[in-house]
Amino acid sequence: SYELSLNPEKEKSQADIWFHLAGGGGGGALSSALFKRLIPSPLLLSHYKVLRKRLPSSYLAIHCRATDMMCDYPGLYQQHRDLIDSYKAIYVATDNLEVVRFFEQQDLNVFNFSDLTTLGRRPKVGRLAEPKGPPTLHTSSMDSERKMKDLLGDIYLVTQATQLISNSAGGFISFLRHLRKDGTRESL
């Protein structure tokens, strides 16, 4: 099973973890402080390290949110084209298969290890936008364990990247940037 266990010295409830890691009111600093107290199971960490070995030592991470909060990923590519094209490998952390396909169409060596190809549809839930276009992670009926495994994989691979670029807005990209800034890359 793919589980996270809390650092026994700093016990927190699952509700606290969900609230702060979901973006919301915690902000990047609080979320990353809490995230660093989580200890991935050895099996899960081993899985992420295998994925990391599939990437070259230097790669660019691009985060593009394309569900309830759309980022302008074609604009991101145009704005940073020289930088993006200078990398031999690009890891695209996204919740939408169309984003991966877009960067592949730019003749880039694109990696994404999330299971975006088997996403099923489900009706609008809560404040998420009505699903339009291809299925996305947020609107899928995919098993929640797989969603969490893919999400944590994206977090791990973004923290390990040489550089991160994004024009996404919201709590998650702030969280990712803070993890990279506060040395999480070296501690994993």
Protein backbone atom coordinates (compact mmCIF):
# COMPACT_ATOMS: atom_id res chain seq x y z
CA SER A 1 0.00 0.00 0.00
CA TYR A 2 1.13 3.56 -0.71
CA GLU A 3 0.76 5.42 2.54
CA LEU A 4 2.36 8.40 4.14
CA SER A 5 3.15 8.24 7.80
CA LEU A 6 3.58 11.26 10.00
CA ASN A 7 6.77 12.06 11.76
CA PRO A 8 6.08 10.57 15.20
CA GLU A 9 7.65 13.61 16.91
CA LYS A 10 5.08 15.98 15.38
CA GLU A 11 1.72 14.19 15.29
CA LYS A 12 -0.95 15.97 13.22
CA SER A 13 -4.42 14.92 12.16
CA GLN A 14 -5.25 13.89 8.61
CA ALA A 15 -7.64 16.85 8.38
CA ASP A 16 -4.77 19.25 9.08
CA ILE A 17 -2.69 17.64 6.37
CA TRP A 18 -5.47 17.77 3.79
CA PHE A 19 -6.35 21.40 4.57
CA HIS A 20 -2.83 22.72 4.31
CA LEU A 21 -1.63 20.67 1.35
CA ALA A 22 -4.78 21.41 -0.65
CA GLY A 23 -3.69 25.02 -1.12
CA GLY A 24 -6.34 26.94 0.74
CA GLY A 25 -5.40 29.10 3.70
CA GLY A 26 -2.01 27.63 4.57
CA GLY A 27 0.16 29.33 1.98
CA GLY A 28 3.46 28.01 0.68
CA ALA A 29 5.50 28.30 3.88
CA LEU A 30 3.03 26.55 6.17
CA SER A 31 2.28 23.85 3.61
CA SER A 32 5.94 23.09 2.97
CA ALA A 33 6.73 23.01 6.70
CA LEU A 34 3.98 20.45 7.21
CA PHE A 35 4.93 18.52 4.07
CA LYS A 36 8.51 18.13 5.29
CA ARG A 37 7.21 16.36 8.41
CA LEU A 38 5.59 13.64 6.31
CA ILE A 39 7.61 10.52 5.79
CA PRO A 40 6.83 8.57 2.60
CA SER A 41 6.68 4.83 2.94
CA PRO A 42 9.88 3.13 1.70
CA LEU A 43 7.94 1.60 -1.21
CA LEU A 44 6.56 4.97 -2.30
CA LEU A 45 9.89 6.75 -2.01
CA SER A 46 11.55 3.94 -3.94
CA HIS A 47 8.94 4.34 -6.71
CA TYR A 48 9.69 8.09 -7.01
CA LYS A 49 13.43 7.50 -7.09
CA VAL A 50 12.95 5.01 -9.95
CA LEU A 51 11.00 7.69 -11.84
CA ARG A 52 13.76 10.22 -11.13
CA LYS A 53 16.35 7.89 -12.63
CA ARG A 54 14.36 7.88 -15.88
CA LEU A 55 15.16 11.59 -16.23
CA PRO A 56 18.60 13.01 -17.01
CA SER A 57 20.54 14.77 -14.28
CA SER A 58 19.48 18.20 -15.58
CA TYR A 59 15.87 18.84 -16.57
CA LEU A 60 13.34 21.63 -16.56
CA ALA A 61 10.05 21.25 -14.68
CA ILE A 62 7.01 23.03 -16.05
CA HIS A 63 3.90 23.24 -13.88
CA CYS A 64 0.65 23.93 -15.74
CA ARG A 65 -2.69 23.82 -13.99
CA ALA A 66 -5.40 23.28 -16.57
CA THR A 67 -8.63 22.44 -14.75
CA ASP A 68 -10.57 24.84 -12.58
CA MET A 69 -7.75 27.38 -12.90
CA MET A 70 -6.48 27.50 -16.47
CA CYS A 71 -2.96 28.68 -17.08
CA ASP A 72 -1.87 29.95 -20.48
CA TYR A 73 0.58 27.19 -21.34
CA PRO A 74 0.98 28.21 -25.01
CA GLY A 75 1.83 31.71 -23.74
CA LEU A 76 4.25 30.22 -21.21
CA TYR A 77 6.00 28.37 -24.01
CA GLN A 78 6.22 31.48 -26.20
CA GLN A 79 7.51 33.62 -23.31
CA HIS A 80 10.19 31.08 -22.27
CA ARG A 81 10.82 29.35 -25.59
CA ASP A 82 14.61 29.81 -25.59
CA LEU A 83 14.92 28.51 -22.03
CA ILE A 84 12.58 25.57 -22.62
CA ASP A 85 14.25 24.61 -25.90
CA SER A 86 17.68 24.71 -24.20
CA TYR A 87 16.83 21.71 -21.98
CA LYS A 88 17.25 18.17 -23.25
CA ALA A 89 14.40 16.98 -21.02
CA ILE A 90 11.21 18.62 -19.77
CA TYR A 91 9.06 17.27 -16.94
CA VAL A 92 5.49 18.54 -17.24
CA ALA A 93 3.60 18.48 -13.95
CA THR A 94 -0.04 18.92 -14.90
CA ASP A 95 -3.56 17.70 -14.34
CA ASN A 96 -4.49 17.64 -18.02
CA LEU A 97 -3.29 15.39 -20.84
CA GLU A 98 -3.71 18.18 -23.42
CA VAL A 99 -0.91 20.14 -21.72
CA VAL A 100 1.48 17.21 -22.12
CA ARG A 101 0.43 16.80 -25.76
CA PHE A 102 0.99 20.51 -26.43
CA PHE A 103 4.60 20.38 -25.22
CA GLU A 104 5.21 17.13 -27.13
CA GLN A 105 4.03 18.89 -30.30
CA GLN A 106 6.80 21.44 -29.82
CA ASP A 107 9.33 18.65 -30.53
CA LEU A 108 10.51 18.58 -26.93
CA ASN A 109 11.67 15.53 -24.97
CA VAL A 110 8.68 15.54 -22.60
CA PHE A 111 8.21 13.40 -19.51
CA ASN A 112 5.09 12.99 -17.38
CA PHE A 113 4.54 9.91 -15.22
CA SER A 114 0.98 10.62 -14.07
CA ASP A 115 -1.79 8.37 -15.31
CA LEU A 116 -3.56 11.05 -17.35
CA THR A 117 -4.58 8.73 -20.20
CA THR A 118 -7.15 6.71 -18.24
CA LEU A 119 -9.06 9.58 -16.72
CA GLY A 120 -12.80 9.09 -16.58
CA ARG A 121 -15.45 11.78 -16.28
CA ARG A 122 -17.57 12.64 -13.31
CA PRO A 123 -20.09 15.42 -12.80
CA LYS A 124 -19.22 18.84 -11.40
CA VAL A 125 -18.20 18.60 -7.74
CA GLY A 126 -18.09 21.52 -5.33
CA ARG A 127 -16.43 24.61 -6.77
CA LEU A 128 -14.65 22.84 -9.63
CA ALA A 129 -15.60 24.04 -13.09
CA GLU A 130 -17.89 21.93 -15.22
CA PRO A 131 -15.64 19.47 -17.10
CA LYS A 132 -14.94 20.64 -20.65
CA GLY A 133 -12.61 19.17 -23.22
CA PRO A 134 -10.51 16.15 -22.29
CA PRO A 135 -10.88 14.59 -18.84
CA THR A 136 -8.59 16.01 -16.17
CA LEU A 137 -7.28 14.74 -12.87
CA HIS A 138 -9.66 16.90 -10.81
CA THR A 139 -12.74 15.76 -12.73
CA SER A 140 -11.86 12.10 -13.01
CA SER A 141 -13.24 9.06 -11.30
CA MET A 142 -9.71 7.64 -11.07
CA ASP A 143 -8.88 5.82 -7.87
CA SER A 144 -7.94 8.36 -5.22
CA GLU A 145 -4.86 6.35 -4.20
CA ARG A 146 -3.53 6.65 -7.74
CA LYS A 147 -4.31 10.38 -7.83
CA MET A 148 -2.38 10.91 -4.60
CA LYS A 149 0.55 8.81 -5.81
CA ASP A 150 0.72 10.85 -9.03
CA LEU A 151 0.39 14.16 -7.16
CA LEU A 152 3.21 13.28 -4.77
CA GLY A 153 5.30 12.08 -7.71
CA ASP A 154 4.87 15.46 -9.39
CA ILE A 155 5.87 17.22 -6.18
CA TYR A 156 8.97 15.04 -5.81
CA LEU A 157 10.07 15.46 -9.44
CA VAL A 158 9.46 19.23 -9.44
CA THR A 159 11.61 19.60 -6.32
CA GLN A 160 14.39 17.60 -7.98
CA ALA A 161 14.38 19.60 -11.24
CA THR A 162 17.17 21.96 -12.18
CA GLN A 163 14.65 24.75 -12.69
CA LEU A 164 10.87 25.29 -12.43
CA ILE A 165 8.75 27.61 -14.55
CA SER A 166 5.01 28.22 -14.46
CA ASN A 167 2.42 30.88 -15.05
CA SER A 168 -0.17 29.03 -12.97
CA ALA A 169 -1.91 30.82 -10.14
CA GLY A 170 -3.06 29.48 -6.82
CA GLY A 171 -1.82 27.76 -3.71
CA PHE A 172 -0.26 24.71 -5.31
CA ILE A 173 2.34 26.55 -7.39
CA SER A 174 3.16 28.71 -4.35
CA PHE A 175 3.65 25.50 -2.39
CA LEU A 176 5.95 24.05 -5.09
CA ARG A 177 8.02 27.22 -5.28
CA HIS A 178 8.40 27.33 -1.53
CA LEU A 179 9.51 23.68 -1.38
CA ARG A 180 12.22 24.44 -3.93
CA LYS A 181 13.29 27.63 -2.16
CA ASP A 182 13.56 26.17 1.34
CA GLY A 183 15.87 23.29 0.48
CA THR A 184 13.38 20.43 0.23
CA ARG A 185 15.21 19.30 -2.92
CA GLU A 186 18.30 18.43 -0.90
CA SER A 187 16.39 16.72 1.91
CA LEU A 188 14.55 14.14 -0.22
